[in-house]
Amino acid sequence: MSLLGKQAPDFTLQNTAGNEITLSETLDGGPTVIIMFRAAWCSFCAEQLQTFSALSYDLWHNHDVDILPVSSDSIGNLVEMRDRYELTIQLLSDPEYETTRAYTDVVTHDQRDDYTRAGTFVVDTDGRIRYEQIAGTAADRTYGNFIRYFIKRGYEDHYGTTSGNAV
């Protein structure tokens, strides 16, 4: 199920600062990066989020980009993850998997609870998905520097370096 080039499904979720965040409202200020990640226990997810956290001020200040990391994990677990990894971005909780199902899917695991399949999306100010990457393996991720490069160059990957899809 590819969302590339389509309108991004809108959502409203609670974040780790206690606020409700709505995608369509963040798009009023500029593009938005949606990061679907598995859970607080995922080291690959923590690494990816740290790259976006390190670039979050630059992305916001210079390009008006908001970053919305979404997981099906509880707010309590996400607050602990945010604090443990000293993330400067707030994490959003999707405990009913509604946003997860709209963007990626739910992974059933025989030794863990179900969790969100990882993915990264760039949504332009018109609400159109311009970049999509859905993880094929646990370590398959798009990192912050590539997304900054992609947005700075007008949603184009001039060098063909992406592992995802772009329009």
Foldseek 3Di string as FASTA:
>chain_A
DDQAQHFQDWDWFAWLVGDIDIPLVLLVQWKEKEKEDWFLVQPLVLVQQVLCQVCVVVCCVVGVYYYEYEKQYDSVRQNVSCVVSVGPHIYTHDVVCPSLVRAPHWDPDPVDHIIRFTKMWMATSVRHTFKIDTDPDSNDDDHDVVVVVCVVVPNDDVVPPDPTDGD
